[in-house]
Amino acid sequence: MVKYSLIVEYLKKGNNYSQIATLCGCSRTTVWRVVQRLDSIKIETIDLKHISEGELRSLLFPERVKKGEKYLIPDFK
């Protein structure tokens, strides 16, 4: 599982995407997507200091299904 808080921390330190991907054990595309999401929601990295990992994950990627939720039952009506 990707630690988005580590990606944000390494971004603040000035590391490039390849270095962050190596340090976090994820792909450069994942790092790029996190940066794109941060830009799209217009939030500064300093504001993310007091947010937990779960809150940060749901803030960056709200369309992903949460762990406790499985499939939604389709409404055919």
N, C-alpha and C. Protein backbone atom coordinates (compact mmCIF):
# COMPACT_ATOMS: atom_id res chain seq x y z
N MET A 1 0.84 -1.17 0.00
CA MET A 1 0.00 0.00 0.00
C MET A 1 0.90 1.24 0.00
N VAL A 2 0.48 2.18 -0.77
CA VAL A 2 1.25 3.42 -0.94
C VAL A 2 1.01 4.33 0.26
N LYS A 3 2.07 4.88 0.78
CA LYS A 3 1.98 5.87 1.86
C LYS A 3 2.01 7.26 1.24
N TYR A 4 0.83 7.83 1.09
CA TYR A 4 0.72 9.14 0.44
C TYR A 4 1.37 10.24 1.27
N SER A 5 1.39 10.08 2.57
CA SER A 5 2.03 11.10 3.41
C SER A 5 3.53 11.14 3.17
N LEU A 6 4.14 9.98 2.89
CA LEU A 6 5.57 9.97 2.57
C LEU A 6 5.84 10.65 1.24
N ILE A 7 4.96 10.43 0.27
CA ILE A 7 5.13 11.10 -1.02
C ILE A 7 5.07 12.61 -0.84
N VAL A 8 4.12 13.08 -0.05
CA VAL A 8 4.00 14.52 0.20
C VAL A 8 5.23 15.04 0.93
N GLU A 9 5.72 14.27 1.90
CA GLU A 9 6.90 14.69 2.66
C GLU A 9 8.12 14.81 1.76
N TYR A 10 8.34 13.82 0.90
CA TYR A 10 9.49 13.87 0.00
C TYR A 10 9.33 14.97 -1.06
N LEU A 11 8.10 15.29 -1.45
CA LEU A 11 7.89 16.41 -2.36
C LEU A 11 8.31 17.73 -1.72
N LYS A 12 7.96 17.88 -0.43
CA LYS A 12 8.33 19.12 0.28
C LYS A 12 9.84 19.25 0.39
N LYS A 13 10.55 18.11 0.46
CA LYS A 13 12.01 18.15 0.58
C LYS A 13 12.70 18.42 -0.75
N GLY A 14 11.94 18.36 -1.85
CA GLY A 14 12.51 18.71 -3.14
C GLY A 14 13.02 17.53 -3.96
N ASN A 15 12.65 16.32 -3.59
CA ASN A 15 13.06 15.16 -4.37
C ASN A 15 12.28 15.11 -5.68
N ASN A 16 12.89 14.50 -6.71
CA ASN A 16 12.17 14.35 -7.97
C ASN A 16 11.32 13.09 -7.94
N TYR A 17 10.49 12.90 -8.98
CA TYR A 17 9.52 11.81 -8.98
C TYR A 17 10.18 10.44 -8.93
N SER A 18 11.30 10.27 -9.62
CA SER A 18 12.00 8.98 -9.62
C SER A 18 12.54 8.66 -8.23
N GLN A 19 13.11 9.63 -7.57
CA GLN A 19 13.63 9.41 -6.22
C GLN A 19 12.50 9.07 -5.25
N ILE A 20 11.40 9.78 -5.35
CA ILE A 20 10.26 9.53 -4.46
C ILE A 20 9.71 8.13 -4.70
N ALA A 21 9.59 7.74 -5.96
CA ALA A 21 9.07 6.41 -6.29
C ALA A 21 9.98 5.32 -5.72
N THR A 22 11.27 5.51 -5.80
CA THR A 22 12.20 4.53 -5.25
C THR A 22 12.11 4.47 -3.73
N LEU A 23 12.04 5.62 -3.09
CA LEU A 23 11.98 5.66 -1.64
C LEU A 23 10.66 5.09 -1.08
N CYS A 24 9.57 5.32 -1.80
CA CYS A 24 8.25 4.88 -1.32
C CYS A 24 7.87 3.49 -1.82
N GLY A 25 8.60 2.97 -2.77
CA GLY A 25 8.29 1.65 -3.31
C GLY A 25 7.07 1.65 -4.20
N CYS A 26 6.89 2.71 -4.95
CA CYS A 26 5.76 2.79 -5.87
C CYS A 26 6.29 3.25 -7.23
N SER A 27 5.39 3.43 -8.18
CA SER A 27 5.81 3.85 -9.51
C SER A 27 5.85 5.38 -9.62
N ARG A 28 6.55 5.85 -10.64
CA ARG A 28 6.59 7.29 -10.89
C ARG A 28 5.22 7.80 -11.27
N THR A 29 4.43 6.94 -11.92
CA THR A 29 3.07 7.33 -12.29
C THR A 29 2.22 7.60 -11.06
N THR A 30 2.40 6.79 -10.02
CA THR A 30 1.66 7.01 -8.78
C THR A 30 2.03 8.35 -8.17
N VAL A 31 3.31 8.66 -8.15
CA VAL A 31 3.77 9.94 -7.62
C VAL A 31 3.19 11.08 -8.46
N TRP A 32 3.20 10.92 -9.76
CA TRP A 32 2.66 11.95 -10.65
C TRP A 32 1.18 12.15 -10.40
N ARG A 33 0.42 11.05 -10.20
CA ARG A 33 -1.01 11.16 -9.94
C ARG A 33 -1.29 11.88 -8.63
N VAL A 34 -0.49 11.60 -7.61
CA VAL A 34 -0.67 12.28 -6.32
C VAL A 34 -0.42 13.78 -6.49
N VAL A 35 0.61 14.14 -7.22
CA VAL A 35 0.91 15.56 -7.44
C VAL A 35 -0.22 16.21 -8.24
N GLN A 36 -0.73 15.51 -9.25
CA GLN A 36 -1.84 16.05 -10.04
C GLN A 36 -3.07 16.26 -9.18
N ARG A 37 -3.37 15.31 -8.30
CA ARG A 37 -4.53 15.44 -7.41
C ARG A 37 -4.35 16.59 -6.43
N LEU A 38 -3.13 16.76 -5.91
CA LEU A 38 -2.87 17.88 -5.01
C LEU A 38 -3.10 19.21 -5.73
N ASP A 39 -2.67 19.28 -6.98
CA ASP A 39 -2.87 20.50 -7.76
C ASP A 39 -4.34 20.72 -8.08
N SER A 40 -5.08 19.64 -8.36
CA SER A 40 -6.48 19.80 -8.76
C SER A 40 -7.38 20.21 -7.60
N ILE A 41 -7.05 19.75 -6.38
CA ILE A 41 -7.87 20.16 -5.24
C ILE A 41 -7.35 21.44 -4.59
N LYS A 42 -6.25 21.95 -5.14
CA LYS A 42 -5.67 23.23 -4.72
C LYS A 42 -5.42 23.27 -3.21
N ILE A 43 -4.67 22.30 -2.75
CA ILE A 43 -4.30 22.26 -1.34
C ILE A 43 -2.78 22.27 -1.24
N GLU A 44 -2.28 23.00 -0.30
CA GLU A 44 -0.84 23.10 -0.10
C GLU A 44 -0.34 21.90 0.70
N THR A 45 0.91 21.53 0.50
CA THR A 45 1.48 20.39 1.21
C THR A 45 1.62 20.68 2.70
N ILE A 46 1.72 21.94 3.06
CA ILE A 46 1.82 22.29 4.48
C ILE A 46 0.51 22.00 5.20
N ASP A 47 -0.62 22.15 4.51
CA ASP A 47 -1.92 21.89 5.10
C ASP A 47 -2.15 20.42 5.38
N LEU A 48 -1.39 19.54 4.76
CA LEU A 48 -1.57 18.10 4.91
C LEU A 48 -0.81 17.52 6.10
N LYS A 49 -0.19 18.36 6.88
CA LYS A 49 0.66 17.89 7.98
C LYS A 49 -0.14 17.17 9.07
N HIS A 50 -1.35 17.62 9.34
CA HIS A 50 -2.13 17.07 10.45
C HIS A 50 -3.22 16.11 9.99
N ILE A 51 -3.16 15.67 8.75
CA ILE A 51 -4.17 14.75 8.21
C ILE A 51 -3.65 13.33 8.30
N SER A 52 -4.51 12.40 8.73
CA SER A 52 -4.10 11.00 8.83
C SER A 52 -3.99 10.38 7.44
N GLU A 53 -3.38 9.21 7.37
CA GLU A 53 -3.17 8.53 6.10
C GLU A 53 -4.50 8.17 5.42
N GLY A 54 -5.47 7.71 6.18
CA GLY A 54 -6.77 7.36 5.62
C GLY A 54 -7.51 8.57 5.09
N GLU A 55 -7.46 9.66 5.82
CA GLU A 55 -8.12 10.89 5.36
C GLU A 55 -7.45 11.44 4.11
N LEU A 56 -6.13 11.33 4.07
CA LEU A 56 -5.39 11.81 2.90
C LEU A 56 -5.73 10.96 1.68
N ARG A 57 -5.84 9.65 1.86
CA ARG A 57 -6.19 8.75 0.77
C ARG A 57 -7.58 9.08 0.22
N SER A 58 -8.54 9.28 1.13
CA SER A 58 -9.90 9.60 0.67
C SER A 58 -9.99 11.01 0.08
N LEU A 59 -9.13 11.91 0.51
CA LEU A 59 -9.11 13.26 -0.04
C LEU A 59 -8.55 13.26 -1.46
N LEU A 60 -7.47 12.49 -1.67
CA LEU A 60 -6.83 12.45 -2.98
C LEU A 60 -7.60 11.61 -3.98
N PHE A 61 -8.12 10.47 -3.54
CA PHE A 61 -8.79 9.55 -4.44
C PHE A 61 -10.16 9.16 -3.89
N PRO A 62 -11.13 10.06 -3.94
CA PRO A 62 -12.45 9.77 -3.36
C PRO A 62 -13.24 8.72 -4.13
N GLU A 63 -12.87 8.48 -5.39
CA GLU A 63 -13.63 7.53 -6.19
C GLU A 63 -13.29 6.08 -5.89
N ARG A 64 -12.22 5.85 -5.18
CA ARG A 64 -11.84 4.48 -4.83
C ARG A 64 -12.73 3.97 -3.70
N VAL A 65 -12.99 2.70 -3.73
CA VAL A 65 -13.86 2.08 -2.73
C VAL A 65 -13.08 1.91 -1.44
N LYS A 66 -13.74 2.21 -0.33
CA LYS A 66 -13.11 2.04 0.97
C LYS A 66 -13.02 0.57 1.31
N LYS A 67 -12.13 0.22 2.20
CA LYS A 67 -11.83 -1.17 2.49
C LYS A 67 -13.04 -1.94 3.00
N GLY A 68 -13.87 -1.38 3.83
CA GLY A 68 -15.01 -2.08 4.39
C GLY A 68 -16.16 -2.26 3.41
N GLU A 69 -16.17 -1.48 2.35
CA GLU A 69 -17.26 -1.53 1.39
C GLU A 69 -16.88 -2.42 0.23
N LYS A 70 -17.77 -3.29 -0.14
CA LYS A 70 -17.53 -4.17 -1.29
C LYS A 70 -18.25 -3.58 -2.50
N TYR A 71 -19.01 -4.39 -3.17
CA TYR A 71 -19.71 -3.94 -4.36
C TYR A 71 -21.04 -3.31 -3.98
N LEU A 72 -21.43 -2.34 -4.75
CA LEU A 72 -22.73 -1.72 -4.55
C LEU A 72 -23.80 -2.54 -5.26
N ILE A 73 -24.96 -2.66 -4.67
CA ILE A 73 -26.05 -3.38 -5.29
C ILE A 73 -26.68 -2.48 -6.34
N PRO A 74 -26.77 -2.96 -7.58
CA PRO A 74 -27.34 -2.10 -8.63
C PRO A 74 -28.83 -1.89 -8.41
N ASP A 75 -29.27 -0.69 -8.75
CA ASP A 75 -30.68 -0.34 -8.64
C ASP A 75 -31.27 -0.37 -10.04
N PHE A 76 -32.07 -1.40 -10.34
CA PHE A 76 -32.61 -1.57 -11.67
C PHE A 76 -33.93 -0.83 -11.89
N LYS A 77 -34.42 -0.13 -10.89
CA LYS A 77 -35.70 0.57 -11.03
C LYS A 77 -35.55 1.93 -11.64
